[in-house]
C-alpha atoms as a PDB file:
ATOM      1  CA  LEU A   1     146.387-137.695  98.945  1.00  0.00           C
ATOM      2  CA  LEU A   2     142.695-136.787 100.576  1.00  0.00           C
ATOM      3  CA  LYS A   3     141.155-136.176  96.837  1.00  0.00           C
ATOM      4  CA  GLY A   4     142.664-139.217  95.734  1.00  0.00           C
ATOM      5  CA  MET A   5     140.456-141.078  98.759  1.00  0.00           C
ATOM      6  CA  GLY A   6     137.314-138.937  97.492  1.00  0.00           C
ATOM      7  CA  LEU A   7     137.618-136.251  99.769  1.00  0.00           C
ATOM      8  CA  GLY A   8     137.537-132.983  98.929  1.00  0.00           C
ATOM      9  CA  THR A   9     139.668-130.411 100.524  1.00  0.00           C
ATOM     10  CA  ALA A  10     136.249-128.698 101.133  1.00  0.00           C
ATOM     11  CA  THR A  11     134.766-132.257 102.776  1.00  0.00           C
ATOM     12  CA  PHE A  12     138.030-133.005 104.716  1.00  0.00           C
ATOM     13  CA  ALA A  13     137.922-128.416 105.857  1.00  0.00           C
ATOM     14  CA  GLY A  14     134.624-129.216 106.838  1.00  0.00           C
ATOM     15  CA  LEU A  15     135.403-132.332 108.987  1.00  0.00           C
ATOM     16  CA  ALA A  16     137.884-130.610 110.412  1.00  0.00           C
ATOM     17  CA  HIS A  17     135.651-128.049 111.577  1.00  0.00           C
ATOM     18  CA  LEU A  18     133.512-129.717 113.273  1.00  0.00           C
ATOM     19  CA  VAL A  19     135.923-131.809 115.312  1.00  0.00           C
ATOM     20  CA  GLN A  20     137.242-128.716 116.546  1.00  0.00           C
ATOM     21  CA  GLU A  21     133.371-127.241 117.850  1.00  0.00           C
ATOM     22  CA  SER A  22     132.592-131.580 119.281  1.00  0.00           C
ATOM     23  CA  ALA A  23     136.034-130.699 120.971  1.00  0.00           C
ATOM     24  CA  GLY A  24     134.726-128.920 124.048  1.00  0.00           C
ATOM     25  CA  VAL A  25     131.743-130.923 124.563  1.00  0.00           C
ATOM     26  CA  TRP A  26     133.660-134.999 123.746  1.00  0.00           C
ATOM     27  CA  ALA A  27     137.037-133.843 125.343  1.00  0.00           C
ATOM     28  CA  ALA A  28     137.980-132.259 128.515  1.00  0.00           C
ATOM     29  CA  ALA A  29     140.990-131.871 126.915  1.00  0.00           C
ATOM     30  CA  PRO A  30     142.445-130.508 122.895  1.00  0.00           C
ATOM     31  CA  PRO A  31     142.171-133.188 120.994  1.00  0.00           C
ATOM     32  CA  THR A  32     145.564-134.714 119.942  1.00  0.00           C
ATOM     33  CA  ARG A  33     145.539-136.578 116.991  1.00  0.00           C
ATOM     34  CA  PHE A  34     143.014-137.424 114.656  1.00  0.00           C
ATOM     35  CA  VAL A  35     141.019-140.943 113.442  1.00  0.00           C
ATOM     36  CA  TYR A  36     140.120-141.387 109.652  1.00  0.00           C
ATOM     37  CA  ALA A  37     138.686-144.791 107.649  1.00  0.00           C
ATOM     38  CA  TRP A  38     140.618-145.939 105.268  1.00  0.00           C
ATOM     39  CA  THR A  39     138.932-148.072 102.698  1.00  0.00           C
ATOM     40  CA  ALA A  40     140.975-149.211 100.465  1.00  0.00           C
ATOM     41  CA  PHE A  41     140.195-153.057 100.722  1.00  0.00           C
ATOM     42  CA  ASP A  42     137.599-154.077  97.651  1.00  0.00           C
ATOM     43  CA  LEU A  43     139.043-157.813  97.074  1.00  0.00           C
ATOM     44  CA  LEU A  44     140.300-159.508  99.981  1.00  0.00           C
ATOM     45  CA  ASP A  45     140.828-163.073  97.145  1.00  0.00           C
ATOM     46  CA  PRO A  46     145.020-163.253  98.040  1.00  0.00           C
ATOM     47  CA  HIS A  47     144.641-165.291  94.385  1.00  0.00           C
ATOM     48  CA  VAL A  48     143.337-162.477  92.649  1.00  0.00           C
ATOM     49  CA  LYS A  49     144.940-159.260  93.506  1.00  0.00           C
ATOM     50  CA  TYR A  50     147.943-158.049  94.649  1.00  0.00           C
ATOM     51  CA  ASP A  51     149.002-154.971  95.479  1.00  0.00           C
ATOM     52  CA  GLY A  52     150.574-152.940  98.546  1.00  0.00           C
ATOM     53  CA  ASN A  53     146.541-152.557 100.198  1.00  0.00           C
ATOM     54  CA  ALA A  54     145.916-155.966  99.761  1.00  0.00           C
ATOM     55  CA  TYR A  55     148.814-157.037 101.001  1.00  0.00           C
ATOM     56  CA  PHE A  56     148.443-155.499 104.513  1.00  0.00           C
ATOM     57  CA  PHE A  57     145.006-158.105 104.422  1.00  0.00           C
ATOM     58  CA  THR A  58     146.950-161.415 103.710  1.00  0.00           C
ATOM     59  CA  LEU A  59     150.025-160.796 105.327  1.00  0.00           C
ATOM     60  CA  ASN A  60     147.967-160.689 108.353  1.00  0.00           C
ATOM     61  CA  MET A  61     145.074-163.380 106.837  1.00  0.00           C
ATOM     62  CA  TYR A  62     146.999-166.712 105.165  1.00  0.00           C
ATOM     63  CA  ASP A  63     150.749-167.571 105.433  1.00  0.00           C
ATOM     64  CA  ASN A  64     153.314-168.123 102.988  1.00  0.00           C
ATOM     65  CA  LEU A  65     156.184-170.694 101.685  1.00  0.00           C
ATOM     66  CA  LEU A  66     157.950-167.946 102.606  1.00  0.00           C
ATOM     67  CA  ARG A  67     158.724-164.483 104.375  1.00  0.00           C
ATOM     68  CA  TYR A  68     159.626-161.535 104.115  1.00  0.00           C
ATOM     69  CA  ARG A  69     161.713-160.335 107.800  1.00  0.00           C
ATOM     70  CA  ASP A  70     163.348-158.025 109.335  1.00  0.00           C
ATOM     71  CA  ASN A  71     164.473-154.098 108.106  1.00  0.00           C
ATOM     72  CA  PRO A  72     165.808-154.299 106.442  1.00  0.00           C
ATOM     73  CA  PRO A  73     164.057-157.358 104.926  1.00  0.00           C
ATOM     74  CA  HIS A  74     165.110-160.506 104.228  1.00  0.00           C
ATOM     75  CA  ILE A  75     163.198-163.854 103.142  1.00  0.00           C
ATOM     76  CA  VAL A  76     162.982-166.102 106.106  1.00  0.00           C
ATOM     77  CA  PRO A  77     160.991-170.402 105.793  1.00  0.00           C
ATOM     78  CA  TRP A  78     157.510-169.974 106.968  1.00  0.00           C
ATOM     79  CA  LEU A  79     155.316-172.717 105.896  1.00  0.00           C
ATOM     80  CA  ALA A  80     158.400-173.969 105.306  1.00  0.00           C
ATOM     81  CA  GLU A  81     160.760-175.240 107.592  1.00  0.00           C
ATOM     82  CA  ARG A  82     163.870-175.754 105.113  1.00  0.00           C
ATOM     83  CA  TYR A  83     164.387-175.203 101.088  1.00  0.00           C
ATOM     84  CA  GLU A  84     166.760-176.427  98.728  1.00  0.00           C
ATOM     85  CA  VAL A  85     167.424-175.784  94.777  1.00  0.00           C
ATOM     86  CA  ALA A  86     169.109-177.952  93.394  1.00  0.00           C
ATOM     87  CA  GLN A  87     172.435-176.754  91.042  1.00  0.00           C
ATOM     88  CA  ASP A  88     170.889-176.448  88.242  1.00  0.00           C
ATOM     89  CA  GLY A  89     168.810-173.773  89.147  1.00  0.00           C
ATOM     90  CA  ARG A  90     165.302-175.356  88.829  1.00  0.00           C
ATOM     91  CA  THR A  91     164.033-177.822  91.184  1.00  0.00           C
ATOM     92  CA  TRP A  92     162.928-176.571  94.198  1.00  0.00           C
ATOM     93  CA  THR A  93     162.085-178.604  97.347  1.00  0.00           C
ATOM     94  CA  PHE A  94     159.993-177.090  99.905  1.00  0.00           C
ATOM     95  CA  HIS A  95     159.854-179.212 103.391  1.00  0.00           C
ATOM     96  CA  LEU A  96     156.506-178.016 104.727  1.00  0.00           C
ATOM     97  CA  ARG A  97     156.763-177.671 109.007  1.00  0.00           C
ATOM     98  CA  HIS A  98     154.183-180.549 110.894  1.00  0.00           C
ATOM     99  CA  GLY A  99     151.246-179.786 112.897  1.00  0.00           C
ATOM    100  CA  VAL A 100     150.176-176.198 111.018  1.00  0.00           C
ATOM    101  CA  ARG A 101     146.715-175.978 110.335  1.00  0.00           C
ATOM    102  CA  PHE A 102     143.861-173.901 109.308  1.00  0.00           C
ATOM    103  CA  HIS A 103     141.189-172.403 110.811  1.00  0.00           C
ATOM    104  CA  ASP A 104     138.683-175.293 110.583  1.00  0.00           C
ATOM    105  CA  GLY A 105     141.527-178.139 111.474  1.00  0.00           C
ATOM    106  CA  ASN A 106     142.521-179.757 108.323  1.00  0.00           C
ATOM    107  CA  GLU A 107     146.419-179.957 107.654  1.00  0.00           C
ATOM    108  CA  VAL A 108     148.082-177.666 105.936  1.00  0.00           C
ATOM    109  CA  ASN A 109     150.319-180.248 103.462  1.00  0.00           C
ATOM    110  CA  ALA A 110     151.872-180.286 100.473  1.00  0.00           C
ATOM    111  CA  ALA A 111     148.632-180.673  98.520  1.00  0.00           C
ATOM    112  CA  ALA A 112     146.992-177.710 100.135  1.00  0.00           C
ATOM    113  CA  VAL A 113     150.464-176.058  98.402  1.00  0.00           C
ATOM    114  CA  ARG A 114     149.990-177.552  95.037  1.00  0.00           C
ATOM    115  CA  PHE A 115     146.150-176.670  95.213  1.00  0.00           C
ATOM    116  CA  SER A 116     146.720-172.656  96.065  1.00  0.00           C
ATOM    117  CA  PHE A 117     150.088-172.284  93.510  1.00  0.00           C
ATOM    118  CA  GLU A 118     147.302-173.670  91.079  1.00  0.00           C
ATOM    119  CA  ARG A 119     143.918-171.688  92.040  1.00  0.00           C
ATOM    120  CA  LEU A 120     146.771-168.680  91.224  1.00  0.00           C
ATOM    121  CA  LEU A 121     148.084-170.264  88.268  1.00  0.00           C
ATOM    122  CA  MET A 122     145.129-170.806  87.152  1.00  0.00           C
ATOM    123  CA  LEU A 123     143.085-167.509  87.944  1.00  0.00           C
ATOM    124  CA  GLY A 124     145.701-166.053  85.482  1.00  0.00           C
ATOM    125  CA  LYS A 125     145.404-162.317  88.077  1.00  0.00           C
ATOM    126  CA  GLY A 126     147.365-160.166  89.764  1.00  0.00           C
ATOM    127  CA  PRO A 127     149.505-162.118  91.548  1.00  0.00           C
ATOM    128  CA  ALA A 128     150.084-165.206  89.165  1.00  0.00           C
ATOM    129  CA  GLY A 129     152.018-162.751  86.597  1.00  0.00           C
ATOM    130  CA  ILE A 130     155.499-162.594  87.782  1.00  0.00           C
ATOM    131  CA  PHE A 131     155.157-166.571  87.587  1.00  0.00           C
ATOM    132  CA  LYS A 132     152.996-166.273  84.168  1.00  0.00           C
ATOM    133  CA  ARG A 133     156.096-164.560  83.018  1.00  0.00           C
ATOM    134  CA  MET A 134     158.329-167.207  84.187  1.00  0.00           C
ATOM    135  CA  GLY A 135     156.892-170.249  82.890  1.00  0.00           C
ATOM    136  CA  LEU A 136     155.302-171.661  85.689  1.00  0.00           C
ATOM    137  CA  THR A 137     152.546-174.162  85.211  1.00  0.00           C
ATOM    138  CA  PRO A 138     150.517-176.134  87.614  1.00  0.00           C
ATOM    139  CA  GLU A 139     151.601-179.210  85.955  1.00  0.00           C
ATOM    140  CA  MET A 140     155.585-178.307  87.507  1.00  0.00           C
ATOM    141  CA  ILE A 141     154.492-178.316  91.181  1.00  0.00           C
ATOM    142  CA  ARG A 142     154.218-181.881  92.655  1.00  0.00           C
ATOM    143  CA  ALA A 143     153.394-183.131  96.285  1.00  0.00           C
ATOM    144  CA  VAL A 144     156.126-185.352  96.934  1.00  0.00           C
ATOM    145  CA  ASP A 145     155.084-186.558 100.149  1.00  0.00           C
ATOM    146  CA  SER A 146     152.337-184.782 103.077  1.00  0.00           C
ATOM    147  CA  HIS A 147     155.058-182.160 103.564  1.00  0.00           C
ATOM    148  CA  THR A 148     157.242-181.737 100.849  1.00  0.00           C
ATOM    149  CA  VAL A 149     156.113-179.267  97.899  1.00  0.00           C
ATOM    150  CA  GLU A 150     158.738-179.829  94.999  1.00  0.00           C
ATOM    151  CA  ILE A 151     158.736-176.951  91.587  1.00  0.00           C
ATOM    152  CA  GLN A 152     160.463-177.873  88.454  1.00  0.00           C
ATOM    153  CA  LEU A 153     161.035-174.624  86.752  1.00  0.00           C
ATOM    154  CA  ALA A 154     161.450-174.905  82.933  1.00  0.00           C
ATOM    155  CA  GLN A 155     165.160-172.721  83.214  1.00  0.00           C
ATOM    156  CA  PRO A 156     166.371-170.881  86.324  1.00  0.00           C
ATOM    157  CA  TYR A 157     165.122-167.428  87.058  1.00  0.00           C
ATOM    158  CA  GLY A 158     166.473-165.294  89.699  1.00  0.00           C
ATOM    159  CA  PRO A 159     163.792-163.537  91.610  1.00  0.00           C
ATOM    160  CA  PHE A 160     161.797-166.793  92.823  1.00  0.00           C
ATOM    161  CA  GLU A 161     162.716-167.151  95.325  1.00  0.00           C
ATOM    162  CA  ALA A 162     161.379-163.584  95.980  1.00  0.00           C
ATOM    163  CA  ALA A 163     158.472-164.068  94.459  1.00  0.00           C
ATOM    164  CA  ILE A 164     157.189-167.173  95.898  1.00  0.00           C
ATOM    165  CA  PRO A 165     156.307-165.030  99.905  1.00  0.00           C
ATOM    166  CA  ILE A 166     153.166-163.898  96.872  1.00  0.00           C
ATOM    167  CA  VAL A 167     151.570-166.777  97.105  1.00  0.00           C
ATOM    168  CA  SER A 168     149.024-167.656  99.473  1.00  0.00           C
ATOM    169  CA  ILE A 169     148.454-170.766 100.802  1.00  0.00           C
ATOM    170  CA  VAL A 170     144.744-171.125 101.071  1.00  0.00           C
ATOM    171  CA  ASN A 171     142.637-173.895 102.330  1.00  0.00           C
ATOM    172  CA  PRO A 172     141.554-176.336  99.687  1.00  0.00           C
ATOM    173  CA  ALA A 173     138.267-177.386 101.186  1.00  0.00           C
ATOM    174  CA  VAL A 174     136.891-173.968 101.312  1.00  0.00           C
ATOM    175  CA  ILE A 175     137.304-172.931  98.070  1.00  0.00           C
ATOM    176  CA  LYS A 176     136.033-176.603  96.916  1.00  0.00           C
ATOM    177  CA  ALA A 177     133.428-175.929  99.201  1.00  0.00           C
ATOM    178  CA  HIS A 178     132.422-171.850  97.765  1.00  0.00           C
ATOM    179  CA  GLU A 179     133.287-173.077  93.908  1.00  0.00           C
ATOM    180  CA  THR A 180     130.550-172.601  90.863  1.00  0.00           C
ATOM    181  CA  ASN A 181     131.075-174.128  88.139  1.00  0.00           C
ATOM    182  CA  GLY A 182     134.885-174.658  88.031  1.00  0.00           C
ATOM    183  CA  ASP A 183     135.346-170.425  89.125  1.00  0.00           C
ATOM    184  CA  TRP A 184     138.315-171.504  91.667  1.00  0.00           C
ATOM    185  CA  ALA A 185     135.407-169.655  93.874  1.00  0.00           C
ATOM    186  CA  GLU A 186     136.646-166.330  92.559  1.00  0.00           C
ATOM    187  CA  ALA A 187     133.081-165.328  92.803  1.00  0.00           C
ATOM    188  CA  TRP A 188     132.576-166.341  96.549  1.00  0.00           C
END
């Protein structure tokens, strides 16, 4: 574990010895815990990277239409106050909560949700993988009105609902302000 983080055994042993030697100077009681910094974040764009480390970040910085809750986990509406799937399993309709805002005050609306899916798909990086496998394209996602998003799948796809929490909803105004030459602000 430590070797994978870049700390060799000798370095760790030296650090532990230093902490022991210094404990008498810094604390009146023997040390009871060891604290270390974890530098696992190399990229924080929720539409570019999707792994365990990135998810800890995105879970706290972005919202999703649906989210996993509890233990054992189950999917609950999050930005969507409710959703339904058509009888044929192809048309998914998400009804967004009213009054939800991004940090700059812009409303989280259907256009922002559509933009977030489009950006994820157009960048085509890690989190887009499952959606690309199911054949999802930006044209299959539409804002029906300001608070309703419809996603039309080419065919029913069992894990679709379970994949929705992967998509972080981003603020289009912020992304567009940092876009360079059509890069969807990836360089930013």
